[in-house]
Protein backbone atom coordinates (compact mmCIF):
# COMPACT_ATOMS: atom_id res chain seq x y z
CA UNK A 1 -0.01 -0.03 -0.01
CA UNK A 2 2.83 2.44 0.95
CA UNK A 3 4.59 1.47 -2.22
CA UNK A 4 1.47 2.21 -4.35
CA UNK A 5 1.00 5.61 -2.75
CA UNK A 6 4.63 6.42 -3.23
CA UNK A 7 4.53 5.68 -6.97
CA UNK A 8 1.36 7.65 -7.29
CA UNK A 9 2.74 10.69 -5.71
CA UNK A 10 5.95 10.51 -7.78
CA UNK A 11 3.86 10.43 -10.98
CA UNK A 12 1.89 13.42 -9.81
CA UNK A 13 5.06 15.35 -9.28
CA UNK A 14 6.38 14.20 -12.57
CA UNK A 15 3.23 15.34 -14.19
CA UNK A 16 3.57 18.82 -12.64
CA UNK A 17 7.23 18.94 -13.77
CA UNK A 18 6.33 18.13 -17.36
CA UNK A 19 3.43 20.45 -17.55
CA UNK A 20 5.45 23.35 -16.25
CA UNK A 21 7.88 22.95 -19.08
CA UNK A 22 10.91 22.17 -16.95
CA UNK A 23 11.86 18.82 -18.58
CA UNK A 24 14.71 19.58 -20.75
CA UNK A 25 13.75 19.08 -24.47
CA UNK A 26 10.29 17.61 -23.81
CA UNK A 27 7.06 19.30 -24.94
CA UNK A 28 4.52 20.04 -22.10
CA UNK A 29 1.76 18.10 -23.89
CA UNK A 30 3.62 14.79 -23.66
CA UNK A 31 2.29 12.13 -21.23
CA UNK A 32 4.49 10.71 -18.37
CA UNK A 33 5.07 7.48 -20.26
CA UNK A 34 6.16 9.45 -23.40
CA UNK A 35 8.36 11.81 -21.40
CA UNK A 36 10.09 8.95 -19.69
CA UNK A 37 11.31 7.81 -23.12
CA UNK A 38 14.75 9.54 -23.60
CA UNK A 39 14.82 11.78 -26.68
CA UNK A 40 18.62 11.11 -26.99
CA UNK A 41 20.01 7.72 -26.91
CA UNK A 42 23.53 8.22 -25.64
CA UNK A 43 23.63 8.32 -21.82
CA UNK A 44 26.34 8.26 -19.19
CA UNK A 45 26.57 5.79 -16.29
CA UNK A 46 24.85 8.35 -14.02
CA UNK A 47 22.81 6.85 -11.12
CA UNK A 48 20.33 9.82 -11.32
CA UNK A 49 16.62 8.99 -11.89
CA UNK A 50 16.61 11.23 -14.88
CA UNK A 51 18.98 10.16 -17.75
CA UNK A 52 21.72 12.62 -18.52
CA UNK A 53 22.97 13.02 -21.97
CA UNK A 54 26.73 12.89 -22.50
CA UNK A 55 26.81 16.51 -23.64
CA UNK A 56 25.37 17.45 -20.26
CA UNK A 57 27.79 15.30 -18.32
CA UNK A 58 29.78 17.10 -15.57
CA UNK A 59 32.07 14.70 -13.79
CA UNK A 60 34.97 12.85 -15.21
CA UNK A 61 34.32 9.20 -14.31
CA UNK A 62 37.68 7.85 -15.16
CA UNK A 63 39.07 5.50 -12.45
CA UNK A 64 42.94 5.83 -12.34
CA UNK A 65 43.34 3.05 -9.80
CA UNK A 66 41.06 0.04 -9.85
CA UNK A 67 41.25 -3.22 -7.66
CA UNK A 68 40.21 -6.44 -9.30
CA UNK A 69 38.78 -9.01 -6.89
CA UNK A 70 41.64 -10.07 -4.62
CA UNK A 71 44.31 -8.21 -6.64
CA UNK A 72 44.89 -4.82 -5.05
CA UNK A 73 46.85 -1.79 -6.12
CA UNK A 74 49.39 -0.54 -3.70
CA UNK A 75 50.88 2.82 -4.09
CA UNK A 76 53.33 4.92 -2.21
CA UNK A 77 52.14 8.33 -0.95
CA UNK A 78 54.99 9.87 -2.95
CA UNK A 79 53.94 8.26 -6.31
CA UNK A 80 52.02 10.20 -8.79
CA UNK A 81 49.45 8.65 -11.32
CA UNK A 82 48.14 10.80 -14.03
CA UNK A 83 44.39 11.26 -14.09
CA UNK A 84 44.14 9.68 -17.58
CA UNK A 85 46.33 6.68 -16.64
CA UNK A 86 44.79 3.36 -15.52
CA UNK A 87 46.46 1.05 -12.88
CA UNK A 88 44.58 -2.21 -12.34
CA UNK A 89 44.99 -5.31 -10.23
CA UNK A 90 48.17 -6.64 -8.46
CA UNK A 91 50.44 -3.67 -8.93
CA UNK A 92 53.00 -2.35 -6.32
CA UNK A 93 54.15 1.25 -7.04
CA UNK A 94 57.00 2.37 -4.87
CA UNK A 95 58.35 5.86 -3.78
CA UNK A 96 58.55 8.75 -6.34
CA UNK A 97 57.30 6.64 -9.21
CA UNK A 98 55.34 8.60 -11.85
CA UNK A 99 52.83 7.02 -14.27
CA UNK A 100 52.10 9.52 -17.01
CA UNK A 101 49.24 10.31 -19.21
CA UNK A 102 47.25 7.47 -20.88
CA UNK A 103 49.40 4.73 -19.58
CA UNK A 104 47.87 1.39 -18.63
CA UNK A 105 49.45 -0.85 -15.99
CA UNK A 106 47.43 -4.02 -15.98
CA UNK A 107 48.04 -6.69 -13.23
CA UNK A 108 44.99 -8.64 -13.78
CA UNK A 109 46.73 -11.88 -14.52
CA UNK A 110 50.01 -11.61 -12.68
CA UNK A 111 51.83 -9.19 -10.36
CA UNK A 112 53.70 -6.07 -11.37
CA UNK A 113 56.35 -4.24 -9.38
CA UNK A 114 57.63 -0.69 -10.26
CA UNK A 115 60.74 0.31 -8.22
CA UNK A 116 61.41 3.64 -6.59
CA UNK A 117 62.35 6.66 -8.68
CA UNK A 118 61.20 5.05 -11.96
CA UNK A 119 58.95 6.87 -14.27
CA UNK A 120 56.55 5.44 -17.17
CA UNK A 121 55.92 8.10 -19.91
CA UNK A 122 52.83 8.68 -21.92
CA UNK A 123 50.85 5.89 -23.59
CA UNK A 124 53.04 3.00 -22.34
CA UNK A 125 51.37 -0.29 -21.54
CA UNK A 126 52.88 -2.62 -18.91
CA UNK A 127 51.19 -6.15 -18.53
CA UNK A 128 52.10 -9.46 -17.02
CA UNK A 129 50.91 -12.69 -18.56
CA UNK A 130 49.64 -15.55 -16.55
CA UNK A 131 52.36 -17.84 -17.90
CA UNK A 132 55.43 -17.31 -20.02
CA UNK A 133 56.32 -19.52 -22.98
CA UNK A 134 60.02 -19.23 -22.02
CA UNK A 135 59.52 -20.87 -18.70
CA UNK A 136 60.73 -17.79 -16.78
CA UNK A 137 58.62 -16.05 -14.17
CA UNK A 138 55.63 -14.26 -15.87
CA UNK A 139 55.48 -11.42 -13.45
CA UNK A 140 56.75 -7.98 -14.47
CA UNK A 141 59.50 -6.42 -12.30
CA UNK A 142 60.91 -2.91 -12.97
CA UNK A 143 63.83 -1.82 -10.87
CA UNK A 144 64.75 1.58 -9.29
CA UNK A 145 65.40 4.73 -11.31
CA UNK A 146 64.23 3.18 -14.67
CA UNK A 147 63.26 5.52 -17.53
CA UNK A 148 60.61 4.04 -19.76
CA UNK A 149 59.86 6.12 -22.85
CA UNK A 150 56.52 7.01 -24.64
CA UNK A 151 54.53 4.43 -26.42
CA UNK A 152 56.28 1.34 -25.10
CA UNK A 153 54.87 -2.13 -24.41
CA UNK A 154 56.37 -4.35 -21.61
CA UNK A 155 54.85 -7.75 -21.00
CA UNK A 156 56.23 -10.24 -18.29
CA UNK A 157 59.77 -8.66 -18.32
CA UNK A 158 62.39 -8.07 -15.65
CA UNK A 159 64.20 -4.73 -15.97
CA UNK A 160 67.15 -4.05 -13.49
CA UNK A 161 68.01 -0.86 -11.79
CA UNK A 162 68.91 2.36 -13.76
CA UNK A 163 67.81 1.22 -17.19
CA UNK A 164 66.56 3.32 -20.13
CA UNK A 165 63.97 2.07 -22.48
CA UNK A 166 63.55 4.29 -25.60
CA UNK A 167 60.23 5.38 -27.13
CA UNK A 168 58.06 2.88 -28.83
CA UNK A 169 60.08 -0.07 -27.82
CA UNK A 170 58.61 -3.54 -27.31
CA UNK A 171 59.90 -5.98 -24.65
CA UNK A 172 58.26 -9.40 -25.03
CA UNK A 173 57.53 -12.25 -22.55
CA UNK A 174 60.56 -13.41 -20.60
CA UNK A 175 63.00 -10.71 -21.80
CA UNK A 176 65.37 -9.24 -19.41
CA UNK A 177 67.55 -6.06 -19.01
CA UNK A 178 70.24 -6.01 -16.48
CA UNK A 179 71.19 -3.01 -14.48
CA UNK A 180 72.57 -0.01 -16.32
CA UNK A 181 71.56 -1.12 -19.76
CA UNK A 182 69.91 0.78 -22.54
CA UNK A 183 67.39 -0.11 -25.26
CA UNK A 184 67.26 2.22 -28.26
CA UNK A 185 63.93 3.81 -29.42
CA UNK A 186 61.83 1.50 -31.72
CA UNK A 187 63.57 -1.62 -30.57
CA UNK A 188 61.84 -5.13 -30.20
CA UNK A 189 63.36 -7.39 -27.63
CA UNK A 190 62.30 -10.95 -28.51
CA UNK A 191 61.12 -13.47 -25.74
CA UNK A 192 63.90 -14.73 -23.49
CA UNK A 193 66.44 -12.24 -24.81
CA UNK A 194 68.91 -10.71 -22.34
CA UNK A 195 70.51 -7.27 -22.43
CA UNK A 196 73.77 -7.48 -20.36
CA UNK A 197 74.72 -4.65 -17.90
CA UNK A 198 76.56 -1.74 -19.41
CA UNK A 199 75.46 -2.29 -22.99
CA UNK A 200 73.28 -0.51 -25.61
CA UNK A 201 71.01 -2.70 -27.69
CA UNK A 202 68.74 -1.65 -30.63
CA UNK A 203 66.89 -2.76 -33.66
CA UNK A 204 64.19 -5.23 -34.50
CA UNK A 205 65.03 -7.77 -33.27
CA UNK A 206 67.13 -5.98 -30.79
CA UNK A 207 70.95 -6.75 -31.03
CA UNK A 208 74.18 -5.49 -29.41
CA UNK A 209 75.18 -1.97 -30.63
CA UNK A 210 77.94 -0.87 -28.28
CA UNK A 211 79.06 -0.54 -24.59
CA UNK A 212 78.13 2.28 -22.38
CA UNK A 213 80.85 4.77 -21.37
CA UNK A 214 81.49 5.69 -17.84
CA UNK A 215 79.94 9.16 -18.24
CA UNK A 216 76.76 7.60 -19.86
CA UNK A 217 76.39 5.26 -16.94
CA UNK A 218 76.45 8.14 -14.46
CA UNK A 219 73.75 10.15 -16.47
CA UNK A 220 71.20 7.35 -16.29
CA UNK A 221 70.29 7.85 -12.65
CA UNK A 222 70.19 11.69 -13.24
CA UNK A 223 67.70 11.25 -16.07
CA UNK A 224 65.17 9.61 -13.60
CA UNK A 225 65.87 12.21 -10.97
CA UNK A 226 65.23 15.16 -13.47
CA UNK A 227 61.58 14.07 -13.85
CA UNK A 228 60.86 14.55 -10.11
CA UNK A 229 60.55 18.52 -10.25
CA UNK A 230 58.11 18.14 -13.07
CA UNK A 231 56.06 15.64 -11.15
CA UNK A 232 55.92 17.90 -8.06
CA UNK A 233 54.36 20.58 -10.33
CA UNK A 234 51.69 18.30 -11.49
CA UNK A 235 51.03 17.04 -7.91
CA UNK A 236 50.47 20.67 -6.82
CA UNK A 237 47.55 21.02 -9.25
CA UNK A 238 45.69 18.10 -7.96
CA UNK A 239 43.89 17.56 -4.55
CA UNK A 240 43.97 14.07 -3.09
CA UNK A 241 40.19 13.80 -3.32
CA UNK A 242 40.24 15.45 -6.91
CA UNK A 243 39.11 18.91 -7.92
CA UNK A 244 36.29 17.68 -10.14
CA UNK A 245 33.77 19.23 -7.88
CA UNK A 246 35.03 22.75 -8.81
CA UNK A 247 34.22 22.31 -12.39
CA UNK A 248 30.86 20.69 -11.49
CA UNK A 249 29.80 23.63 -9.45
CA UNK A 250 30.88 26.05 -12.03
CA UNK A 251 28.98 24.37 -14.80
CA UNK A 252 25.96 23.78 -12.65
CA UNK A 253 25.67 27.60 -12.08
CA UNK A 254 25.93 28.18 -15.91
CA UNK A 255 23.36 25.63 -16.84
CA UNK A 256 19.86 26.58 -17.82
CA UNK A 257 17.08 25.88 -15.45
CA UNK A 258 15.49 23.26 -17.68
CA UNK A 259 18.71 21.43 -18.20
CA UNK A 260 18.48 17.66 -17.67
CA UNK A 261 21.18 17.81 -14.94
CA UNK A 262 19.11 20.36 -12.90
CA UNK A 263 15.88 18.64 -13.53
CA UNK A 264 17.41 15.22 -12.49
CA UNK A 265 18.62 16.79 -9.31
CA UNK A 266 15.10 18.16 -8.58
CA UNK A 267 13.56 14.79 -9.25
CA UNK A 268 16.06 13.12 -6.92
CA UNK A 269 15.12 15.57 -4.12
CA UNK A 270 11.31 14.98 -4.82
CA UNK A 271 11.97 11.15 -4.44
CA UNK A 272 14.02 11.62 -1.23
CA UNK A 273 11.25 13.95 0.28
CA UNK A 274 8.55 11.47 -0.65
CA UNK A 275 10.40 8.52 0.87
CA UNK A 276 10.91 10.48 4.09
CA UNK A 277 7.28 11.50 4.38
CA UNK A 278 5.95 7.96 3.96
CA UNK A 279 8.51 6.61 6.40
CA UNK A 280 7.19 9.01 8.87
CA UNK A 281 3.61 8.04 8.19
CA UNK A 282 4.47 4.35 8.54
CA UNK A 283 6.08 4.99 11.85
CA UNK A 284 3.05 6.86 13.16
CA UNK A 285 0.74 3.97 12.10
CA UNK A 286 2.87 1.41 13.80
CA UNK A 287 3.06 3.44 17.07
CA UNK A 288 -0.76 3.86 17.13
């Protein structure tokens, strides 16, 4: 009985809203059932009672960090993950690690470890397979102060400390880089291939190019450290709980009164008020 009265009241409120011309893009002469049919078919994942078109969306619903069942992301307070990057599953991110824009670190099948002071540049994908065809461990381990360039792909690899991976390089399952080694841009490291310490490799498939000089070895660690001041500037622009609410408040003030976002918020308030009223009535009936 209470549910029936609640539905009746909500329909009456909805009729009043429609007849007043406050339903965005709906003619006042439409019935409730016709008005409930969205005029535009593309909607966001909003939980509002009134569907919001993607053009009227306010919040960025991107999730940078996502746990997957029992696989949990662990990040250091000093690490920075770009808002457009995605880190999923069993991933450990240590101190002063930076994951840049549009990167994907996917530990859904196996574990991924990124050591302190390393940085992963834009559009790089790091993954870990469930098993490796080489028989080597299929987890992905990246050492400390490693510089990974833009647009790279790393899958079930082990990278030692103070390594440099050039832009658009591919490291396939079971490949390994020992400490203080360099992979030139655009290189492809085949499965099970090892890059020894102190060497530069390049090409597709990657092969030995030359040995690193003493000065070049000293510069590798500095390359990773030079990124930290830039990361600090990015951190200063983002609050821990996100600043999306600022943009939302600004847009809400600029929206027309008949905007679906505003109407949806009003309908939500009507529902909450109605539920509160009927809860009070039921309590009085029980007490009597």
